[in-house]
PDB file of N, CA and C in Angstrom:
ATOM      1  N   UNK A   1      33.399  15.266  26.301  1.00  0.00           N
ATOM      2  CA  UNK A   1      33.406  16.338  27.776  1.00  0.00           C
ATOM      3  C   UNK A   1      34.718  16.141  28.355  1.00  0.00           C
ATOM      4  N   UNK A   2      35.354  16.784  28.777  1.00  0.00           N
ATOM      5  CA  UNK A   2      36.550  17.134  29.700  1.00  0.00           C
ATOM      6  C   UNK A   2      36.335  16.780  30.974  1.00  0.00           C
ATOM      7  N   UNK A   3      36.944  15.278  31.509  1.00  0.00           N
ATOM      8  CA  UNK A   3      36.447  15.079  33.014  1.00  0.00           C
ATOM      9  C   UNK A   3      38.065  15.444  33.726  1.00  0.00           C
ATOM     10  N   UNK A   4      38.764  16.050  33.480  1.00  0.00           N
ATOM     11  CA  UNK A   4      40.254  16.047  34.028  1.00  0.00           C
ATOM     12  C   UNK A   4      39.871  17.015  35.301  1.00  0.00           C
ATOM     13  N   UNK A   5      40.181  17.095  36.570  1.00  0.00           N
ATOM     14  CA  UNK A   5      40.093  18.470  37.240  1.00  0.00           C
ATOM     15  C   UNK A   5      40.958  19.468  37.201  1.00  0.00           C
ATOM     16  N   UNK A   6      40.526  20.606  37.169  1.00  0.00           N
ATOM     17  CA  UNK A   6      41.219  21.535  36.838  1.00  0.00           C
ATOM     18  C   UNK A   6      41.222  22.026  38.725  1.00  0.00           C
ATOM     19  N   UNK A   7      42.166  22.808  38.430  1.00  0.00           N
ATOM     20  CA  UNK A   7      42.665  23.893  39.612  1.00  0.00           C
ATOM     21  C   UNK A   7      42.969  25.284  39.374  1.00  0.00           C
ATOM     22  N   UNK A   8      41.897  26.494  39.781  1.00  0.00           N
ATOM     23  CA  UNK A   8      42.037  27.641  39.380  1.00  0.00           C
ATOM     24  C   UNK A   8      42.895  27.927  40.706  1.00  0.00           C
ATOM     25  N   UNK A   9      43.324  29.325  39.694  1.00  0.00           N
ATOM     26  CA  UNK A   9      44.815  30.133  40.020  1.00  0.00           C
ATOM     27  C   UNK A   9      44.378  30.602  41.682  1.00  0.00           C
ATOM     28  N   UNK A  10      42.753  30.884  42.285  1.00  0.00           N
ATOM     29  CA  UNK A  10      42.758  31.239  43.050  1.00  0.00           C
ATOM     30  C   UNK A  10      41.692  30.365  43.998  1.00  0.00           C
ATOM     31  N   UNK A  11      42.286  29.351  43.864  1.00  0.00           N
ATOM     32  CA  UNK A  11      41.389  28.137  44.939  1.00  0.00           C
ATOM     33  C   UNK A  11      42.052  28.433  46.344  1.00  0.00           C
ATOM     34  N   UNK A  12      41.439  27.616  47.114  1.00  0.00           N
ATOM     35  CA  UNK A  12      41.986  27.534  48.304  1.00  0.00           C
ATOM     36  C   UNK A  12      43.002  26.273  48.560  1.00  0.00           C
ATOM     37  N   UNK A  13      43.697  25.413  47.330  1.00  0.00           N
ATOM     38  CA  UNK A  13      44.804  25.111  47.165  1.00  0.00           C
ATOM     39  C   UNK A  13      45.856  25.447  46.939  1.00  0.00           C
ATOM     40  N   UNK A  14      45.577  26.111  46.187  1.00  0.00           N
ATOM     41  CA  UNK A  14      46.892  26.922  45.669  1.00  0.00           C
ATOM     42  C   UNK A  14      47.290  28.606  46.717  1.00  0.00           C
ATOM     43  N   UNK A  15      46.386  28.676  47.207  1.00  0.00           N
ATOM     44  CA  UNK A  15      46.676  29.694  48.665  1.00  0.00           C
ATOM     45  C   UNK A  15      47.948  28.942  49.707  1.00  0.00           C
ATOM     46  N   UNK A  16      46.886  27.593  50.014  1.00  0.00           N
ATOM     47  CA  UNK A  16      47.782  26.515  51.305  1.00  0.00           C
ATOM     48  C   UNK A  16      49.180  26.139  50.417  1.00  0.00           C
ATOM     49  N   UNK A  17      49.299  26.065  49.310  1.00  0.00           N
ATOM     50  CA  UNK A  17      50.721  25.980  48.759  1.00  0.00           C
ATOM     51  C   UNK A  17      51.228  27.067  48.729  1.00  0.00           C
ATOM     52  N   UNK A  18      50.868  28.184  48.505  1.00  0.00           N
ATOM     53  CA  UNK A  18      51.784  29.437  48.377  1.00  0.00           C
ATOM     54  C   UNK A  18      51.897  29.812  49.609  1.00  0.00           C
ATOM     55  N   UNK A  19      51.304  29.547  50.567  1.00  0.00           N
ATOM     56  CA  UNK A  19      51.652  30.230  52.056  1.00  0.00           C
ATOM     57  C   UNK A  19      52.808  29.245  52.310  1.00  0.00           C
ATOM     58  N   UNK A  20      52.795  27.779  52.230  1.00  0.00           N
ATOM     59  CA  UNK A  20      53.714  27.087  52.354  1.00  0.00           C
ATOM     60  C   UNK A  20      55.260  27.307  52.038  1.00  0.00           C
ATOM     61  N   UNK A  21      55.099  27.065  50.690  1.00  0.00           N
ATOM     62  CA  UNK A  21      55.887  27.830  49.698  1.00  0.00           C
ATOM     63  C   UNK A  21      56.561  28.972  50.370  1.00  0.00           C
ATOM     64  N   UNK A  22      55.883  29.827  50.588  1.00  0.00           N
ATOM     65  CA  UNK A  22      56.525  31.117  50.887  1.00  0.00           C
ATOM     66  C   UNK A  22      57.078  31.126  52.994  1.00  0.00           C
ATOM     67  N   UNK A  23      56.467  30.109  53.598  1.00  0.00           N
ATOM     68  CA  UNK A  23      56.960  29.938  54.739  1.00  0.00           C
ATOM     69  C   UNK A  23      58.712  29.603  54.775  1.00  0.00           C
ATOM     70  N   UNK A  24      58.630  28.501  53.864  1.00  0.00           N
ATOM     71  CA  UNK A  24      59.934  27.585  54.073  1.00  0.00           C
ATOM     72  C   UNK A  24      60.800  28.181  53.099  1.00  0.00           C
ATOM     73  N   UNK A  25      60.283  28.882  52.207  1.00  0.00           N
ATOM     74  CA  UNK A  25      61.195  29.237  50.666  1.00  0.00           C
ATOM     75  C   UNK A  25      61.894  30.341  51.445  1.00  0.00           C
ATOM     76  N   UNK A  26      61.405  31.271  52.140  1.00  0.00           N
ATOM     77  CA  UNK A  26      62.150  32.286  52.839  1.00  0.00           C
ATOM     78  C   UNK A  26      62.957  32.325  53.746  1.00  0.00           C
ATOM     79  N   UNK A  27      62.816  31.319  54.273  1.00  0.00           N
ATOM     80  CA  UNK A  27      63.730  30.735  55.560  1.00  0.00           C
ATOM     81  C   UNK A  27      64.966  29.933  54.652  1.00  0.00           C
ATOM     82  N   UNK A  28      64.762  29.160  53.513  1.00  0.00           N
ATOM     83  CA  UNK A  28      65.892  28.657  52.524  1.00  0.00           C
ATOM     84  C   UNK A  28      66.434  29.656  52.394  1.00  0.00           C
ATOM     85  N   UNK A  29      65.882  30.954  51.606  1.00  0.00           N
ATOM     86  CA  UNK A  29      66.644  31.797  51.180  1.00  0.00           C
ATOM     87  C   UNK A  29      67.745  32.442  52.041  1.00  0.00           C
ATOM     88  N   UNK A  30      67.213  32.897  52.867  1.00  0.00           N
ATOM     89  CA  UNK A  30      67.420  33.559  54.548  1.00  0.00           C
ATOM     90  C   UNK A  30      69.036  32.370  54.606  1.00  0.00           C
ATOM     91  N   UNK A  31      69.060  31.277  54.992  1.00  0.00           N
ATOM     92  CA  UNK A  31      69.987  30.419  55.118  1.00  0.00           C
ATOM     93  C   UNK A  31      70.741  30.007  53.575  1.00  0.00           C
ATOM     94  N   UNK A  32      70.577  30.137  52.947  1.00  0.00           N
ATOM     95  CA  UNK A  32      71.453  29.974  51.883  1.00  0.00           C
ATOM     96  C   UNK A  32      72.031  31.612  51.804  1.00  0.00           C
ATOM     97  N   UNK A  33      71.489  32.400  51.815  1.00  0.00           N
ATOM     98  CA  UNK A  33      72.679  33.517  51.991  1.00  0.00           C
ATOM     99  C   UNK A  33      73.665  34.012  53.073  1.00  0.00           C
ATOM    100  N   UNK A  34      73.216  33.271  54.111  1.00  0.00           N
ATOM    101  CA  UNK A  34      74.414  33.423  55.192  1.00  0.00           C
ATOM    102  C   UNK A  34      75.357  31.851  55.167  1.00  0.00           C
ATOM    103  N   UNK A  35      74.483  31.036  54.463  1.00  0.00           N
ATOM    104  CA  UNK A  35      76.034  30.215  54.440  1.00  0.00           C
ATOM    105  C   UNK A  35      76.529  30.704  53.010  1.00  0.00           C
ATOM    106  N   UNK A  36      76.130  31.151  52.218  1.00  0.00           N
ATOM    107  CA  UNK A  36      77.308  31.945  51.267  1.00  0.00           C
ATOM    108  C   UNK A  36      78.221  32.771  51.877  1.00  0.00           C
ATOM    109  N   UNK A  37      77.932  33.586  52.754  1.00  0.00           N
ATOM    110  CA  UNK A  37      78.521  34.864  53.306  1.00  0.00           C
ATOM    111  C   UNK A  37      79.122  34.325  54.054  1.00  0.00           C
ATOM    112  N   UNK A  38      78.975  33.192  55.211  1.00  0.00           N
ATOM    113  CA  UNK A  38      79.739  32.341  55.898  1.00  0.00           C
ATOM    114  C   UNK A  38      80.690  31.657  55.545  1.00  0.00           C
ATOM    115  N   UNK A  39      80.729  31.194  54.537  1.00  0.00           N
ATOM    116  CA  UNK A  39      81.911  30.044  53.723  1.00  0.00           C
ATOM    117  C   UNK A  39      83.100  31.449  53.118  1.00  0.00           C
ATOM    118  N   UNK A  40      82.486  32.499  52.955  1.00  0.00           N
ATOM    119  CA  UNK A  40      83.497  33.526  51.829  1.00  0.00           C
ATOM    120  C   UNK A  40      84.113  34.039  53.004  1.00  0.00           C
ATOM    121  N   UNK A  41      83.458  34.457  54.252  1.00  0.00           N
ATOM    122  CA  UNK A  41      83.736  35.470  55.573  1.00  0.00           C
ATOM    123  C   UNK A  41      85.014  34.300  56.192  1.00  0.00           C
ATOM    124  N   UNK A  42      84.469  33.212  56.225  1.00  0.00           N
ATOM    125  CA  UNK A  42      85.714  32.321  57.138  1.00  0.00           C
ATOM    126  C   UNK A  42      86.613  31.594  56.032  1.00  0.00           C
ATOM    127  N   UNK A  43      86.605  31.930  54.771  1.00  0.00           N
ATOM    128  CA  UNK A  43      87.944  31.729  54.215  1.00  0.00           C
ATOM    129  C   UNK A  43      88.471  32.823  54.181  1.00  0.00           C
ATOM    130  N   UNK A  44      88.343  34.189  54.218  1.00  0.00           N
ATOM    131  CA  UNK A  44      89.411  35.254  54.160  1.00  0.00           C
ATOM    132  C   UNK A  44      89.641  35.191  55.761  1.00  0.00           C
ATOM    133  N   UNK A  45      89.034  34.647  56.889  1.00  0.00           N
ATOM    134  CA  UNK A  45      89.743  34.753  58.332  1.00  0.00           C
ATOM    135  C   UNK A  45      90.534  33.893  58.637  1.00  0.00           C
ATOM    136  N   UNK A  46      89.887  32.558  58.574  1.00  0.00           N
ATOM    137  CA  UNK A  46      91.123  31.831  59.135  1.00  0.00           C
ATOM    138  C   UNK A  46      92.031  31.047  57.834  1.00  0.00           C
ATOM    139  N   UNK A  47      92.826  30.169  58.172  1.00  0.00           N
ATOM    140  CA  UNK A  47      93.900  29.776  57.382  1.00  0.00           C
ATOM    141  C   UNK A  47      93.103  28.314  56.711  1.00  0.00           C
ATOM    142  N   UNK A  48      92.260  27.939  57.358  1.00  0.00           N
ATOM    143  CA  UNK A  48      91.926  26.906  56.333  1.00  0.00           C
ATOM    144  C   UNK A  48      91.267  26.666  55.155  1.00  0.00           C
ATOM    145  N   UNK A  49      91.171  25.853  54.476  1.00  0.00           N
ATOM    146  CA  UNK A  49      90.575  25.710  53.258  1.00  0.00           C
ATOM    147  C   UNK A  49      89.599  25.488  52.700  1.00  0.00           C
ATOM    148  N   UNK A  50      88.764  25.793  51.170  1.00  0.00           N
ATOM    149  CA  UNK A  50      87.995  25.593  50.625  1.00  0.00           C
ATOM    150  C   UNK A  50      87.209  24.331  51.510  1.00  0.00           C
ATOM    151  N   UNK A  51      88.167  23.468  51.117  1.00  0.00           N
ATOM    152  CA  UNK A  51      87.606  22.165  51.667  1.00  0.00           C
ATOM    153  C   UNK A  51      86.814  21.891  53.469  1.00  0.00           C
ATOM    154  N   UNK A  52      88.132  22.212  54.047  1.00  0.00           N
ATOM    155  CA  UNK A  52      87.838  22.585  55.553  1.00  0.00           C
ATOM    156  C   UNK A  52      86.292  23.080  55.620  1.00  0.00           C
ATOM    157  N   UNK A  53      86.309  24.533  55.089  1.00  0.00           N
ATOM    158  CA  UNK A  53      85.224  25.566  55.132  1.00  0.00           C
ATOM    159  C   UNK A  53      83.891  24.882  54.955  1.00  0.00           C
ATOM    160  N   UNK A  54      83.966  24.625  53.801  1.00  0.00           N
ATOM    161  CA  UNK A  54      82.353  24.038  53.342  1.00  0.00           C
ATOM    162  C   UNK A  54      82.129  22.853  54.291  1.00  0.00           C
ATOM    163  N   UNK A  55      82.718  21.856  54.723  1.00  0.00           N
ATOM    164  CA  UNK A  55      82.445  21.107  55.057  1.00  0.00           C
ATOM    165  C   UNK A  55      81.731  21.582  56.826  1.00  0.00           C
ATOM    166  N   UNK A  56      82.595  22.228  57.556  1.00  0.00           N
ATOM    167  CA  UNK A  56      81.990  22.685  58.655  1.00  0.00           C
ATOM    168  C   UNK A  56      80.525  23.676  58.344  1.00  0.00           C
ATOM    169  N   UNK A  57      80.176  24.165  57.639  1.00  0.00           N
ATOM    170  CA  UNK A  57      79.641  24.976  57.124  1.00  0.00           C
ATOM    171  C   UNK A  57      77.803  24.240  56.631  1.00  0.00           C
ATOM    172  N   UNK A  58      78.236  23.368  55.884  1.00  0.00           N
ATOM    173  CA  UNK A  58      77.541  22.017  55.490  1.00  0.00           C
ATOM    174  C   UNK A  58      76.883  21.547  56.446  1.00  0.00           C
ATOM    175  N   UNK A  59      77.758  21.126  57.196  1.00  0.00           N
ATOM    176  CA  UNK A  59      77.483  20.529  58.936  1.00  0.00           C
ATOM    177  C   UNK A  59      76.340  21.366  59.479  1.00  0.00           C
ATOM    178  N   UNK A  60      76.652  22.378  59.743  1.00  0.00           N
ATOM    179  CA  UNK A  60      76.134  23.392  60.526  1.00  0.00           C
ATOM    180  C   UNK A  60      74.180  22.975  60.080  1.00  0.00           C
ATOM    181  N   UNK A  61      74.458  23.303  58.493  1.00  0.00           N
ATOM    182  CA  UNK A  61      72.989  23.479  57.188  1.00  0.00           C
ATOM    183  C   UNK A  61      72.424  22.388  58.129  1.00  0.00           C
ATOM    184  N   UNK A  62      73.159  21.236  57.543  1.00  0.00           N
ATOM    185  CA  UNK A  62      72.852  19.719  57.845  1.00  0.00           C
ATOM    186  C   UNK A  62      72.412  19.647  59.662  1.00  0.00           C
ATOM    187  N   UNK A  63      72.673  20.277  60.245  1.00  0.00           N
ATOM    188  CA  UNK A  63      72.277  20.058  61.656  1.00  0.00           C
ATOM    189  C   UNK A  63      71.087  20.457  61.859  1.00  0.00           C
ATOM    190  N   UNK A  64      70.864  21.564  61.698  1.00  0.00           N
ATOM    191  CA  UNK A  64      69.315  22.897  61.193  1.00  0.00           C
ATOM    192  C   UNK A  64      68.460  22.366  60.632  1.00  0.00           C
ATOM    193  N   UNK A  65      68.996  21.556  59.686  1.00  0.00           N
ATOM    194  CA  UNK A  65      67.668  20.677  58.347  1.00  0.00           C
ATOM    195  C   UNK A  65      67.505  19.541  59.374  1.00  0.00           C
ATOM    196  N   UNK A  66      68.368  18.503  60.097  1.00  0.00           N
ATOM    197  CA  UNK A  66      67.919  17.599  60.671  1.00  0.00           C
ATOM    198  C   UNK A  66      66.829  17.679  62.011  1.00  0.00           C
ATOM    199  N   UNK A  67      67.513  18.851  63.083  1.00  0.00           N
ATOM    200  CA  UNK A  67      66.677  19.605  63.840  1.00  0.00           C
ATOM    201  C   UNK A  67      65.138  19.890  63.456  1.00  0.00           C
ATOM    202  N   UNK A  68      65.085  20.580  62.745  1.00  0.00           N
ATOM    203  CA  UNK A  68      63.684  20.686  61.946  1.00  0.00           C
ATOM    204  C   UNK A  68      62.828  19.632  61.608  1.00  0.00           C
ATOM    205  N   UNK A  69      63.266  18.593  61.124  1.00  0.00           N
ATOM    206  CA  UNK A  69      63.014  17.425  60.737  1.00  0.00           C
ATOM    207  C   UNK A  69      62.163  16.894  61.576  1.00  0.00           C
ATOM    208  N   UNK A  70      63.417  16.939  62.700  1.00  0.00           N
ATOM    209  CA  UNK A  70      62.612  15.399  64.033  1.00  0.00           C
ATOM    210  C   UNK A  70      61.963  16.731  64.932  1.00  0.00           C
ATOM    211  N   UNK A  71      62.092  18.113  64.572  1.00  0.00           N
ATOM    212  CA  UNK A  71      61.039  18.971  65.658  1.00  0.00           C
ATOM    213  C   UNK A  71      59.588  18.682  64.691  1.00  0.00           C
ATOM    214  N   UNK A  72      59.636  18.682  63.890  1.00  0.00           N
ATOM    215  CA  UNK A  72      58.443  18.815  62.854  1.00  0.00           C
ATOM    216  C   UNK A  72      57.677  17.631  63.066  1.00  0.00           C
ATOM    217  N   UNK A  73      58.577  16.091  62.588  1.00  0.00           N
ATOM    218  CA  UNK A  73      57.538  15.008  63.265  1.00  0.00           C
ATOM    219  C   UNK A  73      57.065  14.819  64.499  1.00  0.00           C
ATOM    220  N   UNK A  74      58.540  15.419  65.486  1.00  0.00           N
ATOM    221  CA  UNK A  74      57.662  15.781  66.673  1.00  0.00           C
ATOM    222  C   UNK A  74      56.385  15.967  66.870  1.00  0.00           C
ATOM    223  N   UNK A  75      56.717  17.587  66.492  1.00  0.00           N
ATOM    224  CA  UNK A  75      55.081  18.265  66.203  1.00  0.00           C
ATOM    225  C   UNK A  75      53.938  17.496  65.902  1.00  0.00           C
ATOM    226  N   UNK A  76      53.826  16.972  65.090  1.00  0.00           N
ATOM    227  CA  UNK A  76      52.878  16.344  64.105  1.00  0.00           C
ATOM    228  C   UNK A  76      52.630  14.839  65.224  1.00  0.00           C
ATOM    229  N   UNK A  77      53.793  14.256  65.631  1.00  0.00           N
ATOM    230  CA  UNK A  77      52.943  13.082  66.861  1.00  0.00           C
ATOM    231  C   UNK A  77      52.834  13.260  67.870  1.00  0.00           C
ATOM    232  N   UNK A  78      53.319  14.492  68.804  1.00  0.00           N
ATOM    233  CA  UNK A  78      52.706  14.474  70.189  1.00  0.00           C
ATOM    234  C   UNK A  78      51.967  15.792  70.505  1.00  0.00           C
ATOM    235  N   UNK A  79      51.921  16.802  69.435  1.00  0.00           N
ATOM    236  CA  UNK A  79      51.354  18.327  69.381  1.00  0.00           C
ATOM    237  C   UNK A  79      50.187  18.223  70.517  1.00  0.00           C
ATOM    238  N   UNK A  80      49.107  17.593  69.576  1.00  0.00           N
ATOM    239  CA  UNK A  80      48.084  17.536  70.481  1.00  0.00           C
ATOM    240  C   UNK A  80      47.757  17.319  72.055  1.00  0.00           C
ATOM    241  N   UNK A  81      48.610  16.235  72.206  1.00  0.00           N
ATOM    242  CA  UNK A  81      48.801  15.427  73.557  1.00  0.00           C
ATOM    243  C   UNK A  81      49.542  17.046  74.420  1.00  0.00           C
ATOM    244  N   UNK A  82      50.656  17.312  73.876  1.00  0.00           N
ATOM    245  CA  UNK A  82      51.293  18.400  74.230  1.00  0.00           C
ATOM    246  C   UNK A  82      50.011  19.435  74.829  1.00  0.00           C
ATOM    247  N   UNK A  83      49.218  20.135  73.667  1.00  0.00           N
ATOM    248  CA  UNK A  83      47.970  20.386  74.015  1.00  0.00           C
ATOM    249  C   UNK A  83      47.120  20.724  74.924  1.00  0.00           C
ATOM    250  N   UNK A  84      46.542  19.168  75.224  1.00  0.00           N
ATOM    251  CA  UNK A  84      45.722  18.788  75.744  1.00  0.00           C
ATOM    252  C   UNK A  84      46.141  19.016  77.260  1.00  0.00           C
ATOM    253  N   UNK A  85      47.603  18.466  77.364  1.00  0.00           N
ATOM    254  CA  UNK A  85      48.236  18.793  78.498  1.00  0.00           C
ATOM    255  C   UNK A  85      48.543  19.804  79.254  1.00  0.00           C
ATOM    256  N   UNK A  86      48.776  20.823  78.112  1.00  0.00           N
ATOM    257  CA  UNK A  86      48.935  22.406  79.070  1.00  0.00           C
ATOM    258  C   UNK A  86      47.542  22.923  79.012  1.00  0.00           C
ATOM    259  N   UNK A  87      46.627  22.122  78.531  1.00  0.00           N
ATOM    260  CA  UNK A  87      45.356  23.274  78.688  1.00  0.00           C
ATOM    261  C   UNK A  87      44.681  22.494  79.650  1.00  0.00           C
ATOM    262  N   UNK A  88      44.965  21.108  80.465  1.00  0.00           N
ATOM    263  CA  UNK A  88      44.822  20.463  81.342  1.00  0.00           C
ATOM    264  C   UNK A  88      45.033  20.994  82.929  1.00  0.00           C
ATOM    265  N   UNK A  89      46.719  21.398  82.343  1.00  0.00           N
ATOM    266  CA  UNK A  89      47.350  21.925  83.746  1.00  0.00           C
ATOM    267  C   UNK A  89      47.142  23.472  83.599  1.00  0.00           C
ATOM    268  N   UNK A  90      46.285  24.202  82.529  1.00  0.00           N
ATOM    269  CA  UNK A  90      46.171  25.184  82.821  1.00  0.00           C
ATOM    270  C   UNK A  90      47.481  26.275  82.888  1.00  0.00           C
ATOM    271  N   UNK A  91      48.503  26.058  81.497  1.00  0.00           N
ATOM    272  CA  UNK A  91      49.876  26.318  82.480  1.00  0.00           C
ATOM    273  C   UNK A  91      49.798  27.632  81.864  1.00  0.00           C
ATOM    274  N   UNK A  92      48.515  28.675  80.693  1.00  0.00           N
ATOM    275  CA  UNK A  92      48.105  29.467  80.713  1.00  0.00           C
ATOM    276  C   UNK A  92      49.546  29.927  79.112  1.00  0.00           C
ATOM    277  N   UNK A  93      50.387  28.977  78.691  1.00  0.00           N
ATOM    278  CA  UNK A  93      51.028  29.557  77.642  1.00  0.00           C
ATOM    279  C   UNK A  93      50.257  29.012  76.286  1.00  0.00           C
ATOM    280  N   UNK A  94      50.622  29.763  75.173  1.00  0.00           N
ATOM    281  CA  UNK A  94      50.071  29.508  74.148  1.00  0.00           C
ATOM    282  C   UNK A  94      50.584  29.128  73.085  1.00  0.00           C
ATOM    283  N   UNK A  95      51.392  27.691  73.398  1.00  0.00           N
ATOM    284  CA  UNK A  95      51.701  26.927  72.398  1.00  0.00           C
ATOM    285  C   UNK A  95      50.709  26.014  72.179  1.00  0.00           C
ATOM    286  N   UNK A  96      50.710  26.091  71.080  1.00  0.00           N
ATOM    287  CA  UNK A  96      50.081  25.095  69.800  1.00  0.00           C
ATOM    288  C   UNK A  96      50.941  23.969  69.001  1.00  0.00           C
ATOM    289  N   UNK A  97      50.043  23.067  68.423  1.00  0.00           N
ATOM    290  CA  UNK A  97      50.729  22.430  67.617  1.00  0.00           C
ATOM    291  C   UNK A  97      51.091  22.972  65.741  1.00  0.00           C
ATOM    292  N   UNK A  98      50.058  23.891  65.447  1.00  0.00           N
ATOM    293  CA  UNK A  98      50.359  24.956  64.216  1.00  0.00           C
ATOM    294  C   UNK A  98      51.721  25.321  64.398  1.00  0.00           C
ATOM    295  N   UNK A  99      52.021  26.465  65.815  1.00  0.00           N
ATOM    296  CA  UNK A  99      52.801  27.395  65.510  1.00  0.00           C
ATOM    297  C   UNK A  99      54.478  26.170  65.926  1.00  0.00           C
ATOM    298  N   UNK A 100      54.067  25.236  66.454  1.00  0.00           N
ATOM    299  CA  UNK A 100      55.417  24.598  66.498  1.00  0.00           C
ATOM    300  C   UNK A 100      55.669  24.066  64.630  1.00  0.00           C
ATOM    301  N   UNK A 101      54.916  23.458  64.546  1.00  0.00           N
ATOM    302  CA  UNK A 101      55.267  23.211  63.091  1.00  0.00           C
ATOM    303  C   UNK A 101      55.565  24.044  62.076  1.00  0.00           C
ATOM    304  N   UNK A 102      55.248  25.057  62.142  1.00  0.00           N
ATOM    305  CA  UNK A 102      55.300  26.188  61.829  1.00  0.00           C
ATOM    306  C   UNK A 102      57.111  26.408  61.446  1.00  0.00           C
ATOM    307  N   UNK A 103      57.344  26.715  63.087  1.00  0.00           N
ATOM    308  CA  UNK A 103      58.397  27.121  63.423  1.00  0.00           C
ATOM    309  C   UNK A 103      59.214  26.056  62.969  1.00  0.00           C
ATOM    310  N   UNK A 104      59.385  24.662  63.381  1.00  0.00           N
ATOM    311  CA  UNK A 104      60.174  23.501  62.886  1.00  0.00           C
ATOM    312  C   UNK A 104      60.124  23.602  61.274  1.00  0.00           C
ATOM    313  N   UNK A 105      59.571  23.950  60.381  1.00  0.00           N
ATOM    314  CA  UNK A 105      59.259  23.849  59.157  1.00  0.00           C
ATOM    315  C   UNK A 105      60.252  25.447  58.596  1.00  0.00           C
ATOM    316  N   UNK A 106      60.614  26.212  59.237  1.00  0.00           N
ATOM    317  CA  UNK A 106      61.208  27.543  58.919  1.00  0.00           C
ATOM    318  C   UNK A 106      62.992  27.060  59.584  1.00  0.00           C
ATOM    319  N   UNK A 107      62.858  26.274  60.680  1.00  0.00           N
ATOM    320  CA  UNK A 107      64.074  25.919  60.851  1.00  0.00           C
ATOM    321  C   UNK A 107      65.184  25.081  59.770  1.00  0.00           C
ATOM    322  N   UNK A 108      64.201  23.773  59.399  1.00  0.00           N
ATOM    323  CA  UNK A 108      64.415  22.699  58.356  1.00  0.00           C
ATOM    324  C   UNK A 108      64.519  23.651  57.477  1.00  0.00           C
ATOM    325  N   UNK A 109      63.559  24.436  57.092  1.00  0.00           N
ATOM    326  CA  UNK A 109      63.959  25.081  55.638  1.00  0.00           C
ATOM    327  C   UNK A 109      65.593  26.260  55.580  1.00  0.00           C
ATOM    328  N   UNK A 110      65.792  26.630  57.180  1.00  0.00           N
ATOM    329  CA  UNK A 110      66.684  27.574  56.834  1.00  0.00           C
ATOM    330  C   UNK A 110      68.079  26.594  56.517  1.00  0.00           C
ATOM    331  N   UNK A 111      67.843  25.659  57.297  1.00  0.00           N
ATOM    332  CA  UNK A 111      69.213  24.447  57.184  1.00  0.00           C
ATOM    333  C   UNK A 111      69.245  23.888  55.518  1.00  0.00           C
ATOM    334  N   UNK A 112      68.017  23.655  55.016  1.00  0.00           N
ATOM    335  CA  UNK A 112      68.200  23.178  53.676  1.00  0.00           C
ATOM    336  C   UNK A 112      68.631  24.090  52.911  1.00  0.00           C
ATOM    337  N   UNK A 113      68.448  24.850  53.070  1.00  0.00           N
ATOM    338  CA  UNK A 113      68.871  26.466  52.262  1.00  0.00           C
ATOM    339  C   UNK A 113      70.309  26.743  52.593  1.00  0.00           C
ATOM    340  N   UNK A 114      70.835  26.624  53.882  1.00  0.00           N
ATOM    341  CA  UNK A 114      72.496  26.582  54.094  1.00  0.00           C
ATOM    342  C   UNK A 114      72.643  25.583  53.572  1.00  0.00           C
ATOM    343  N   UNK A 115      72.363  24.558  53.240  1.00  0.00           N
ATOM    344  CA  UNK A 115      73.212  23.344  52.409  1.00  0.00           C
ATOM    345  C   UNK A 115      73.211  23.913  51.211  1.00  0.00           C
ATOM    346  N   UNK A 116      72.143  24.114  50.763  1.00  0.00           N
ATOM    347  CA  UNK A 116      72.325  24.012  48.557  1.00  0.00           C
ATOM    348  C   UNK A 116      73.223  24.801  48.751  1.00  0.00           C
ATOM    349  N   UNK A 117      73.083  26.610  49.830  1.00  0.00           N
ATOM    350  CA  UNK A 117      73.972  27.904  49.504  1.00  0.00           C
ATOM    351  C   UNK A 117      75.472  27.314  49.792  1.00  0.00           C
ATOM    352  N   UNK A 118      76.368  26.475  50.925  1.00  0.00           N
ATOM    353  CA  UNK A 118      77.046  25.950  50.690  1.00  0.00           C
ATOM    354  C   UNK A 118      77.813  25.045  49.625  1.00  0.00           C
ATOM    355  N   UNK A 119      77.145  24.318  48.816  1.00  0.00           N
ATOM    356  CA  UNK A 119      76.868  23.250  47.740  1.00  0.00           C
ATOM    357  C   UNK A 119      77.214  24.713  46.232  1.00  0.00           C
ATOM    358  N   UNK A 120      76.569  25.521  46.261  1.00  0.00           N
ATOM    359  CA  UNK A 120      76.733  26.569  45.035  1.00  0.00           C
ATOM    360  C   UNK A 120      77.736  27.334  45.475  1.00  0.00           C
ATOM    361  N   UNK A 121      78.552  27.921  46.335  1.00  0.00           N
ATOM    362  CA  UNK A 121      79.364  28.972  46.570  1.00  0.00           C
ATOM    363  C   UNK A 121      80.896  27.994  46.476  1.00  0.00           C
ATOM    364  N   UNK A 122      80.984  26.374  47.125  1.00  0.00           N
ATOM    365  CA  UNK A 122      82.026  25.736  47.044  1.00  0.00           C
ATOM    366  C   UNK A 122      82.042  25.815  45.240  1.00  0.00           C
ATOM    367  N   UNK A 123      80.991  25.332  44.403  1.00  0.00           N
ATOM    368  CA  UNK A 123      80.969  24.911  43.544  1.00  0.00           C
ATOM    369  C   UNK A 123      81.512  25.968  42.464  1.00  0.00           C
ATOM    370  N   UNK A 124      81.232  27.344  43.124  1.00  0.00           N
ATOM    371  CA  UNK A 124      81.826  28.630  42.376  1.00  0.00           C
ATOM    372  C   UNK A 124      83.379  28.459  42.730  1.00  0.00           C
ATOM    373  N   UNK A 125      83.654  28.378  43.738  1.00  0.00           N
ATOM    374  CA  UNK A 125      84.764  28.753  44.208  1.00  0.00           C
ATOM    375  C   UNK A 125      85.838  27.643  44.020  1.00  0.00           C
ATOM    376  N   UNK A 126      85.559  26.713  43.492  1.00  0.00           N
ATOM    377  CA  UNK A 126      86.292  25.702  43.487  1.00  0.00           C
ATOM    378  C   UNK A 126      86.868  25.548  42.203  1.00  0.00           C
ATOM    379  N   UNK A 127      86.736  25.982  41.249  1.00  0.00           N
ATOM    380  CA  UNK A 127      87.033  25.974  39.932  1.00  0.00           C
ATOM    381  C   UNK A 127      88.150  26.730  39.616  1.00  0.00           C
TER     382      UNK A 127
END
C-alpha cells in the first residue's frame, strides 16, 4: 500500500498555486515586455550604447522588484495593525492586508520580469 500523499489537479492547493502564479506571472510578463520595448526604443532614440541602456533599464526593474519585496514584507509584518487602526479610527477606507500584499506582489513581479527581460534582450543584442 502506497502512503505517499497525492495532490489532485482540482484540489484547493492547486487552485491557490494557480491564482498566485497567474497574479505574479502576468505582472512579470508585462514587466518583461515593457523592458524589452524600453531597451529597444532607448537604443534607437539615444546615442548611448547597449551597456548603458541595459544598465539603466535593469536598475529600474530592480528598483520595482525591491520596492515590491519591501512593501510585501511590510504588509505581512504590520498589515493587521494597520487594519485595526483604520477600523478603530473609522477612516472608511477599504484597505486590507490582502489587497496590499497582492499589489506588492504584482509590483515585485513586474520588476522581476523587467530584470529578466533586460537580460534576455541584452543577451540577444550583444551578439
